[in-house]
Amino acid sequence: MRRKHRAPAKKSAGPKWMVTFSDLVTLILVFFVLLFSMSQIDKAKFQKISESFRDQQSFDENSSIVPGEYPNEEIKPGGEASLDQLYEEIKVFLQENDLGQTADVIRDERGVVLVLEEKLLFDSGKAALTLGSYTYMEKIGTLFADMPNMIKVEGHTDNRPIQSAVYPSNWELSTSRASSVIRYFINEFSLEPARFVAVGYADTRPLVPNTTEENMQKNRRVEIIMIDPVLDDKVKETQPRS
């Protein structure tokens, strides 16, 4: 019978100590990686890297020949040009309706300020809008609906005290009047509630001294302010976050 030849044993690739050595090297490498990951980042270097990345991002966005998805920030609806146009439209409306004695419109750093005396909107000592006020409120709401600006409504009174079950003082009356105006715009024109700020100043900000009945009539007023976009962020900061 022929003898079976055993296959020659394969020689190992290297000495056995190399396996242990390679494991040791791997562990040391992992150790240094962990140390690096737990180390503090140099804030100055990190800031430079972040700024260079932002600059590169800005360059990439502005260098495209395809129009971007978002409009240029310099072109804002409700900006200076739109406010100037609103001012002129309200001014014409007041003139056409012979409201020069009981209403006024002002263009200042706040934006466009529409001043309406009490008798155009409310009965004495009341905060509910009268039926006669709807003509003016409808026109104002139509103009405001086309603009995205924040709107601040201020209630003001004269210095004669009021004391009733509904309005213990002029603070409650002035605030309720501002709220009534805002409620009308929201209900009738579906304007976004987050656009509005209601403030009641009572008799603390008179236009003229409360020395005559005519002056008191001027001080009993509501001011509706279409706020300039520059001031929008400051107004929003006063609102509670959801």
C-alpha atoms as a PDB file:
ATOM      1  CA  MET A   1       0.000   0.000   0.000  1.00  0.00           C
ATOM      2  CA  ARG A   2       1.116   3.428  -0.736  1.00  0.00           C
ATOM      3  CA  ARG A   3       1.835   5.591   2.213  1.00  0.00           C
ATOM      4  CA  LYS A   4      -0.223   8.729   2.599  1.00  0.00           C
ATOM      5  CA  HIS A   5       1.882  11.801   2.539  1.00  0.00           C
ATOM      6  CA  ARG A   6       0.948  14.471   5.028  1.00  0.00           C
ATOM      7  CA  ALA A   7       0.584  17.967   3.714  1.00  0.00           C
ATOM      8  CA  PRO A   8       3.446  20.093   4.841  1.00  0.00           C
ATOM      9  CA  ALA A   9       2.503  22.370   7.747  1.00  0.00           C
ATOM     10  CA  LYS A  10       2.065  26.030   6.752  1.00  0.00           C
ATOM     11  CA  LYS A  11       4.583  28.324   8.212  1.00  0.00           C
ATOM     12  CA  SER A  12       3.194  31.203  10.253  1.00  0.00           C
ATOM     13  CA  ALA A  13       3.440  34.657   8.721  1.00  0.00           C
ATOM     14  CA  GLY A  14       5.590  35.888  11.556  1.00  0.00           C
ATOM     15  CA  PRO A  15       6.560  35.303  15.119  1.00  0.00           C
ATOM     16  CA  LYS A  16       3.759  35.004  17.668  1.00  0.00           C
ATOM     17  CA  TRP A  17       4.871  38.092  19.546  1.00  0.00           C
ATOM     18  CA  MET A  18       3.854  40.258  16.547  1.00  0.00           C
ATOM     19  CA  VAL A  19       0.157  39.592  17.262  1.00  0.00           C
ATOM     20  CA  THR A  20       0.479  40.872  20.797  1.00  0.00           C
ATOM     21  CA  PHE A  21       2.497  43.835  19.612  1.00  0.00           C
ATOM     22  CA  SER A  22      -0.093  44.839  16.985  1.00  0.00           C
ATOM     23  CA  ASP A  23      -2.861  44.681  19.605  1.00  0.00           C
ATOM     24  CA  LEU A  24      -0.842  46.931  21.847  1.00  0.00           C
ATOM     25  CA  VAL A  25      -0.277  49.464  19.077  1.00  0.00           C
ATOM     26  CA  THR A  26      -4.018  49.495  18.295  1.00  0.00           C
ATOM     27  CA  LEU A  27      -4.881  50.141  21.937  1.00  0.00           C
ATOM     28  CA  ILE A  28      -2.395  52.992  22.138  1.00  0.00           C
ATOM     29  CA  LEU A  29      -3.880  54.521  18.970  1.00  0.00           C
ATOM     30  CA  VAL A  30      -7.404  54.325  20.408  1.00  0.00           C
ATOM     31  CA  PHE A  31      -6.177  55.900  23.634  1.00  0.00           C
ATOM     32  CA  PHE A  32      -4.715  58.922  21.825  1.00  0.00           C
ATOM     33  CA  VAL A  33      -7.842  59.311  19.702  1.00  0.00           C
ATOM     34  CA  LEU A  34      -9.922  59.463  22.877  1.00  0.00           C
ATOM     35  CA  LEU A  35      -7.566  62.018  24.398  1.00  0.00           C
ATOM     36  CA  PHE A  36      -7.849  64.174  21.291  1.00  0.00           C
ATOM     37  CA  SER A  37     -11.645  63.957  21.210  1.00  0.00           C
ATOM     38  CA  MET A  38     -11.853  65.003  24.871  1.00  0.00           C
ATOM     39  CA  SER A  39      -9.414  67.890  24.535  1.00  0.00           C
ATOM     40  CA  GLN A  40     -10.546  71.533  24.472  1.00  0.00           C
ATOM     41  CA  ILE A  41     -10.915  73.233  21.095  1.00  0.00           C
ATOM     42  CA  ASP A  42      -8.876  76.352  20.465  1.00  0.00           C
ATOM     43  CA  LYS A  43     -11.677  78.950  20.279  1.00  0.00           C
ATOM     44  CA  ALA A  44      -9.663  81.427  18.221  1.00  0.00           C
ATOM     45  CA  LYS A  45      -8.814  78.842  15.575  1.00  0.00           C
ATOM     46  CA  PHE A  46     -12.367  77.534  15.589  1.00  0.00           C
ATOM     47  CA  GLN A  47     -13.719  81.063  15.071  1.00  0.00           C
ATOM     48  CA  LYS A  48     -11.421  81.620  12.099  1.00  0.00           C
ATOM     49  CA  ILE A  49     -12.484  78.345  10.547  1.00  0.00           C
ATOM     50  CA  SER A  50     -16.175  79.190  11.091  1.00  0.00           C
ATOM     51  CA  GLU A  51     -15.786  82.633   9.528  1.00  0.00           C
ATOM     52  CA  SER A  52     -13.950  81.291   6.516  1.00  0.00           C
ATOM     53  CA  PHE A  53     -16.692  78.695   6.060  1.00  0.00           C
ATOM     54  CA  ARG A  54     -19.407  81.377   6.262  1.00  0.00           C
ATOM     55  CA  ASP A  55     -17.569  83.552   3.758  1.00  0.00           C
ATOM     56  CA  GLN A  56     -17.272  80.650   1.389  1.00  0.00           C
ATOM     57  CA  GLN A  57     -20.976  79.863   1.792  1.00  0.00           C
ATOM     58  CA  SER A  58     -21.924  83.470   1.100  1.00  0.00           C
ATOM     59  CA  PHE A  59     -19.730  83.529  -2.002  1.00  0.00           C
ATOM     60  CA  ASP A  60     -21.264  80.323  -3.301  1.00  0.00           C
ATOM     61  CA  GLU A  61     -24.812  81.634  -2.861  1.00  0.00           C
ATOM     62  CA  ASN A  62     -24.207  85.049  -4.430  1.00  0.00           C
ATOM     63  CA  SER A  63     -22.113  83.795  -7.336  1.00  0.00           C
ATOM     64  CA  SER A  64     -24.859  81.671  -8.835  1.00  0.00           C
ATOM     65  CA  ILE A  65     -26.360  82.920 -12.108  1.00  0.00           C
ATOM     66  CA  VAL A  66     -29.639  81.215 -11.223  1.00  0.00           C
ATOM     67  CA  PRO A  67     -32.009  83.431  -9.189  1.00  0.00           C
ATOM     68  CA  GLY A  68     -32.018  82.449  -5.512  1.00  0.00           C
ATOM     69  CA  GLU A  69     -34.992  81.002  -3.714  1.00  0.00           C
ATOM     70  CA  TYR A  70     -35.177  83.954  -1.318  1.00  0.00           C
ATOM     71  CA  PRO A  71     -35.429  87.646  -2.267  1.00  0.00           C
ATOM     72  CA  ASN A  72     -32.675  90.096  -1.516  1.00  0.00           C
ATOM     73  CA  GLU A  73     -32.973  91.363   2.073  1.00  0.00           C
ATOM     74  CA  GLU A  74     -32.658  94.944   0.849  1.00  0.00           C
ATOM     75  CA  ILE A  75     -35.961  94.610  -0.991  1.00  0.00           C
ATOM     76  CA  LYS A  76     -38.525  94.245   1.766  1.00  0.00           C
ATOM     77  CA  PRO A  77     -42.265  94.564   1.434  1.00  0.00           C
ATOM     78  CA  GLY A  78     -43.540  97.185   3.820  1.00  0.00           C
ATOM     79  CA  GLY A  79     -40.272  99.104   3.595  1.00  0.00           C
ATOM     80  CA  GLU A  80     -39.703 102.862   3.406  1.00  0.00           C
ATOM     81  CA  ALA A  81     -41.318 103.254  -0.022  1.00  0.00           C
ATOM     82  CA  SER A  82     -44.425 101.290   1.016  1.00  0.00           C
ATOM     83  CA  LEU A  83     -44.794 103.312   4.220  1.00  0.00           C
ATOM     84  CA  ASP A  84     -44.523 106.561   2.295  1.00  0.00           C
ATOM     85  CA  GLN A  85     -47.243 105.361  -0.051  1.00  0.00           C
ATOM     86  CA  LEU A  86     -49.438 104.332   2.887  1.00  0.00           C
ATOM     87  CA  TYR A  87     -48.956 107.760   4.439  1.00  0.00           C
ATOM     88  CA  GLU A  88     -50.090 109.480   1.246  1.00  0.00           C
ATOM     89  CA  GLU A  89     -53.137 107.217   0.840  1.00  0.00           C
ATOM     90  CA  ILE A  90     -54.312 107.814   4.414  1.00  0.00           C
ATOM     91  CA  LYS A  91     -53.719 111.533   4.018  1.00  0.00           C
ATOM     92  CA  VAL A  92     -55.932 111.618   0.907  1.00  0.00           C
ATOM     93  CA  PHE A  93     -58.599 109.539   2.689  1.00  0.00           C
ATOM     94  CA  LEU A  94     -58.738 111.980   5.608  1.00  0.00           C
ATOM     95  CA  GLN A  95     -59.025 114.942   3.253  1.00  0.00           C
ATOM     96  CA  GLU A  96     -61.746 113.340   1.129  1.00  0.00           C
ATOM     97  CA  ASN A  97     -63.818 112.547   4.233  1.00  0.00           C
ATOM     98  CA  ASP A  98     -63.247 115.942   5.852  1.00  0.00           C
ATOM     99  CA  LEU A  99     -61.595 114.402   8.913  1.00  0.00           C
ATOM    100  CA  GLY A 100     -58.894 117.017   9.355  1.00  0.00           C
ATOM    101  CA  GLN A 101     -60.344 118.207  12.681  1.00  0.00           C
ATOM    102  CA  THR A 102     -60.671 114.796  14.334  1.00  0.00           C
ATOM    103  CA  ALA A 103     -57.916 112.697  12.747  1.00  0.00           C
ATOM    104  CA  ASP A 104     -54.338 113.112  11.629  1.00  0.00           C
ATOM    105  CA  VAL A 105     -51.606 111.036   9.999  1.00  0.00           C
ATOM    106  CA  ILE A 106     -47.926 111.472  10.812  1.00  0.00           C
ATOM    107  CA  ARG A 107     -44.807 110.063   9.164  1.00  0.00           C
ATOM    108  CA  ASP A 108     -41.938 109.831  11.656  1.00  0.00           C
ATOM    109  CA  GLU A 109     -39.193 107.495  12.852  1.00  0.00           C
ATOM    110  CA  ARG A 110     -41.790 105.081  14.248  1.00  0.00           C
ATOM    111  CA  GLY A 111     -43.426 104.585  10.859  1.00  0.00           C
ATOM    112  CA  VAL A 112     -46.892 105.809   9.848  1.00  0.00           C
ATOM    113  CA  VAL A 113     -48.965 107.040  12.802  1.00  0.00           C
ATOM    114  CA  LEU A 114     -52.725 107.442  12.403  1.00  0.00           C
ATOM    115  CA  VAL A 115     -54.271 109.509  15.218  1.00  0.00           C
ATOM    116  CA  LEU A 116     -58.032 109.116  15.701  1.00  0.00           C
ATOM    117  CA  GLU A 117     -59.916 111.091  18.317  1.00  0.00           C
ATOM    118  CA  GLU A 118     -62.312 109.340  20.664  1.00  0.00           C
ATOM    119  CA  LYS A 119     -65.551 110.532  19.023  1.00  0.00           C
ATOM    120  CA  LEU A 120     -64.636 108.864  15.712  1.00  0.00           C
ATOM    121  CA  LEU A 121     -64.526 105.431  17.347  1.00  0.00           C
ATOM    122  CA  PHE A 122     -66.139 105.328  20.804  1.00  0.00           C
ATOM    123  CA  ASP A 123     -68.849 106.726  22.985  1.00  0.00           C
ATOM    124  CA  SER A 124     -67.642 108.571  26.068  1.00  0.00           C
ATOM    125  CA  GLY A 125     -66.346 106.179  28.727  1.00  0.00           C
ATOM    126  CA  LYS A 126     -66.865 103.139  26.470  1.00  0.00           C
ATOM    127  CA  ALA A 127     -64.472 100.787  24.673  1.00  0.00           C
ATOM    128  CA  ALA A 128     -66.829  99.203  22.129  1.00  0.00           C
ATOM    129  CA  LEU A 129     -66.494 100.541  18.583  1.00  0.00           C
ATOM    130  CA  THR A 130     -69.530 102.524  17.437  1.00  0.00           C
ATOM    131  CA  LEU A 131     -71.348 101.658  14.210  1.00  0.00           C
ATOM    132  CA  GLY A 132     -70.212 104.957  12.755  1.00  0.00           C
ATOM    133  CA  SER A 133     -66.561 103.976  13.215  1.00  0.00           C
ATOM    134  CA  TYR A 134     -66.790 101.034  10.826  1.00  0.00           C
ATOM    135  CA  THR A 135     -66.463 103.255   7.741  1.00  0.00           C
ATOM    136  CA  TYR A 136     -63.045 104.481   8.876  1.00  0.00           C
ATOM    137  CA  MET A 137     -61.916 101.170  10.293  1.00  0.00           C
ATOM    138  CA  GLU A 138     -62.771  99.329   7.078  1.00  0.00           C
ATOM    139  CA  LYS A 139     -60.658 101.688   4.980  1.00  0.00           C
ATOM    140  CA  ILE A 140     -57.742 101.441   7.402  1.00  0.00           C
ATOM    141  CA  GLY A 141     -57.969  97.641   7.538  1.00  0.00           C
ATOM    142  CA  THR A 142     -57.948  97.435   3.725  1.00  0.00           C
ATOM    143  CA  LEU A 143     -54.728  99.438   3.565  1.00  0.00           C
ATOM    144  CA  PHE A 144     -53.082  97.484   6.394  1.00  0.00           C
ATOM    145  CA  ALA A 145     -53.995  94.081   4.938  1.00  0.00           C
ATOM    146  CA  ASP A 146     -51.552  94.562   2.060  1.00  0.00           C
ATOM    147  CA  MET A 147     -48.564  95.165   4.322  1.00  0.00           C
ATOM    148  CA  PRO A 148     -46.679  92.728   6.593  1.00  0.00           C
ATOM    149  CA  ASN A 149     -45.440  95.254   9.161  1.00  0.00           C
ATOM    150  CA  MET A 150     -46.029  95.064  12.884  1.00  0.00           C
ATOM    151  CA  ILE A 151     -48.900  97.263  14.077  1.00  0.00           C
ATOM    152  CA  LYS A 152     -48.977  98.956  17.464  1.00  0.00           C
ATOM    153  CA  VAL A 153     -52.272 100.340  18.771  1.00  0.00           C
ATOM    154  CA  GLU A 154     -52.136 102.816  21.648  1.00  0.00           C
ATOM    155  CA  GLY A 155     -55.064 103.965  23.775  1.00  0.00           C
ATOM    156  CA  HIS A 156     -54.938 107.416  25.418  1.00  0.00           C
ATOM    157  CA  THR A 157     -57.320 109.337  27.688  1.00  0.00           C
ATOM    158  CA  ASP A 158     -57.522 112.771  29.285  1.00  0.00           C
ATOM    159  CA  ASN A 159     -56.770 113.264  32.980  1.00  0.00           C
ATOM    160  CA  ARG A 160     -60.339 113.109  34.247  1.00  0.00           C
ATOM    161  CA  PRO A 161     -60.687 110.015  36.422  1.00  0.00           C
ATOM    162  CA  ILE A 162     -63.112 107.264  35.538  1.00  0.00           C
ATOM    163  CA  GLN A 163     -64.408 104.765  38.046  1.00  0.00           C
ATOM    164  CA  SER A 164     -66.896 102.103  37.068  1.00  0.00           C
ATOM    165  CA  ALA A 165     -67.424  98.374  37.504  1.00  0.00           C
ATOM    166  CA  VAL A 166     -65.992  97.753  34.025  1.00  0.00           C
ATOM    167  CA  TYR A 167     -63.187 100.340  34.014  1.00  0.00           C
ATOM    168  CA  PRO A 168     -61.821 101.103  37.488  1.00  0.00           C
ATOM    169  CA  SER A 169     -59.387 103.626  35.975  1.00  0.00           C
ATOM    170  CA  ASN A 170     -58.200 105.171  32.725  1.00  0.00           C
ATOM    171  CA  TRP A 171     -55.606 102.394  32.444  1.00  0.00           C
ATOM    172  CA  GLU A 172     -58.288  99.767  31.861  1.00  0.00           C
ATOM    173  CA  LEU A 173     -60.269 102.040  29.518  1.00  0.00           C
ATOM    174  CA  SER A 174     -57.303 102.968  27.322  1.00  0.00           C
ATOM    175  CA  THR A 175     -56.087  99.376  27.089  1.00  0.00           C
ATOM    176  CA  SER A 176     -59.569  98.071  26.266  1.00  0.00           C
ATOM    177  CA  ARG A 177     -59.942 100.612  23.472  1.00  0.00           C
ATOM    178  CA  ALA A 178     -56.629  99.557  21.926  1.00  0.00           C
ATOM    179  CA  SER A 179     -57.719  95.920  22.159  1.00  0.00           C
ATOM    180  CA  SER A 180     -61.090  96.673  20.507  1.00  0.00           C
ATOM    181  CA  VAL A 181     -59.345  98.196  17.489  1.00  0.00           C
ATOM    182  CA  ILE A 182     -57.039  95.202  17.152  1.00  0.00           C
ATOM    183  CA  ARG A 183     -59.917  92.750  17.542  1.00  0.00           C
ATOM    184  CA  TYR A 184     -61.725  94.446  14.659  1.00  0.00           C
ATOM    185  CA  PHE A 185     -58.758  94.083  12.308  1.00  0.00           C
ATOM    186  CA  ILE A 186     -58.260  90.429  13.236  1.00  0.00           C
ATOM    187  CA  ASN A 187     -61.936  89.476  12.946  1.00  0.00           C
ATOM    188  CA  GLU A 188     -62.826  91.490   9.838  1.00  0.00           C
ATOM    189  CA  PHE A 189     -59.620  91.177   7.819  1.00  0.00           C
ATOM    190  CA  SER A 190     -58.125  87.938   9.188  1.00  0.00           C
ATOM    191  CA  LEU A 191     -54.870  89.718   9.992  1.00  0.00           C
ATOM    192  CA  GLU A 192     -52.307  87.673  11.893  1.00  0.00           C
ATOM    193  CA  PRO A 193     -52.670  88.326  15.667  1.00  0.00           C
ATOM    194  CA  ALA A 194     -48.892  88.118  16.125  1.00  0.00           C
ATOM    195  CA  ARG A 195     -48.547  91.338  14.129  1.00  0.00           C
ATOM    196  CA  PHE A 196     -50.248  93.433  16.811  1.00  0.00           C
ATOM    197  CA  VAL A 197     -49.238  95.084  20.061  1.00  0.00           C
ATOM    198  CA  ALA A 198     -51.884  96.716  22.288  1.00  0.00           C
ATOM    199  CA  VAL A 199     -50.851  99.379  24.795  1.00  0.00           C
ATOM    200  CA  GLY A 200     -52.879 101.577  27.158  1.00  0.00           C
ATOM    201  CA  TYR A 201     -51.217 104.772  28.383  1.00  0.00           C
ATOM    202  CA  ALA A 202     -54.195 106.285  30.234  1.00  0.00           C
ATOM    203  CA  ASP A 203     -53.492 110.030  30.629  1.00  0.00           C
ATOM    204  CA  THR A 204     -49.686 109.747  30.875  1.00  0.00           C
ATOM    205  CA  ARG A 205     -48.917 110.902  27.315  1.00  0.00           C
ATOM    206  CA  PRO A 206     -51.110 113.907  26.472  1.00  0.00           C
ATOM    207  CA  LEU A 207     -50.644 115.718  23.171  1.00  0.00           C
ATOM    208  CA  VAL A 208     -51.564 119.029  24.784  1.00  0.00           C
ATOM    209  CA  PRO A 209     -52.144 120.179  28.382  1.00  0.00           C
ATOM    210  CA  ASN A 210     -55.504 119.101  29.821  1.00  0.00           C
ATOM    211  CA  THR A 211     -56.475 122.703  30.521  1.00  0.00           C
ATOM    212  CA  THR A 212     -59.514 123.085  28.251  1.00  0.00           C
ATOM    213  CA  GLU A 213     -62.298 120.856  26.963  1.00  0.00           C
ATOM    214  CA  GLU A 214     -60.897 121.167  23.443  1.00  0.00           C
ATOM    215  CA  ASN A 215     -57.470 119.991  24.599  1.00  0.00           C
ATOM    216  CA  MET A 216     -58.983 117.084  26.531  1.00  0.00           C
ATOM    217  CA  GLN A 217     -60.794 116.027  23.389  1.00  0.00           C
ATOM    218  CA  LYS A 218     -57.485 115.895  21.501  1.00  0.00           C
ATOM    219  CA  ASN A 219     -55.916 113.778  24.235  1.00  0.00           C
ATOM    220  CA  ARG A 220     -58.741 111.222  24.190  1.00  0.00           C
ATOM    221  CA  ARG A 221     -57.488 109.281  21.200  1.00  0.00           C
ATOM    222  CA  VAL A 222     -56.249 106.049  19.667  1.00  0.00           C
ATOM    223  CA  GLU A 223     -52.964 105.950  17.757  1.00  0.00           C
ATOM    224  CA  ILE A 224     -52.520 103.196  15.174  1.00  0.00           C
ATOM    225  CA  ILE A 225     -48.874 102.813  14.205  1.00  0.00           C
ATOM    226  CA  MET A 226     -47.704 100.870  11.163  1.00  0.00           C
ATOM    227  CA  ILE A 227     -44.191 100.277  12.446  1.00  0.00           C
ATOM    228  CA  ASP A 228     -41.114 100.914  10.348  1.00  0.00           C
ATOM    229  CA  PRO A 229     -39.265  97.608   9.603  1.00  0.00           C
ATOM    230  CA  VAL A 230     -36.190  98.970  11.392  1.00  0.00           C
ATOM    231  CA  LEU A 231     -38.152  98.903  14.651  1.00  0.00           C
ATOM    232  CA  ASP A 232     -39.933  95.580  14.003  1.00  0.00           C
ATOM    233  CA  ASP A 233     -37.349  93.480  15.854  1.00  0.00           C
ATOM    234  CA  LYS A 234     -37.454  95.720  18.921  1.00  0.00           C
ATOM    235  CA  VAL A 235     -41.237  95.413  19.116  1.00  0.00           C
ATOM    236  CA  LYS A 236     -41.135  91.656  18.685  1.00  0.00           C
ATOM    237  CA  GLU A 237     -38.706  91.375  21.602  1.00  0.00           C
ATOM    238  CA  THR A 238     -41.432  92.730  23.875  1.00  0.00           C
ATOM    239  CA  GLN A 239     -43.793  89.881  22.974  1.00  0.00           C
ATOM    240  CA  PRO A 240     -43.708  86.630  24.963  1.00  0.00           C
ATOM    241  CA  ARG A 241     -42.217  83.647  23.210  1.00  0.00           C
ATOM    242  CA  SER A 242     -44.410  80.636  22.604  1.00  0.00           C
END
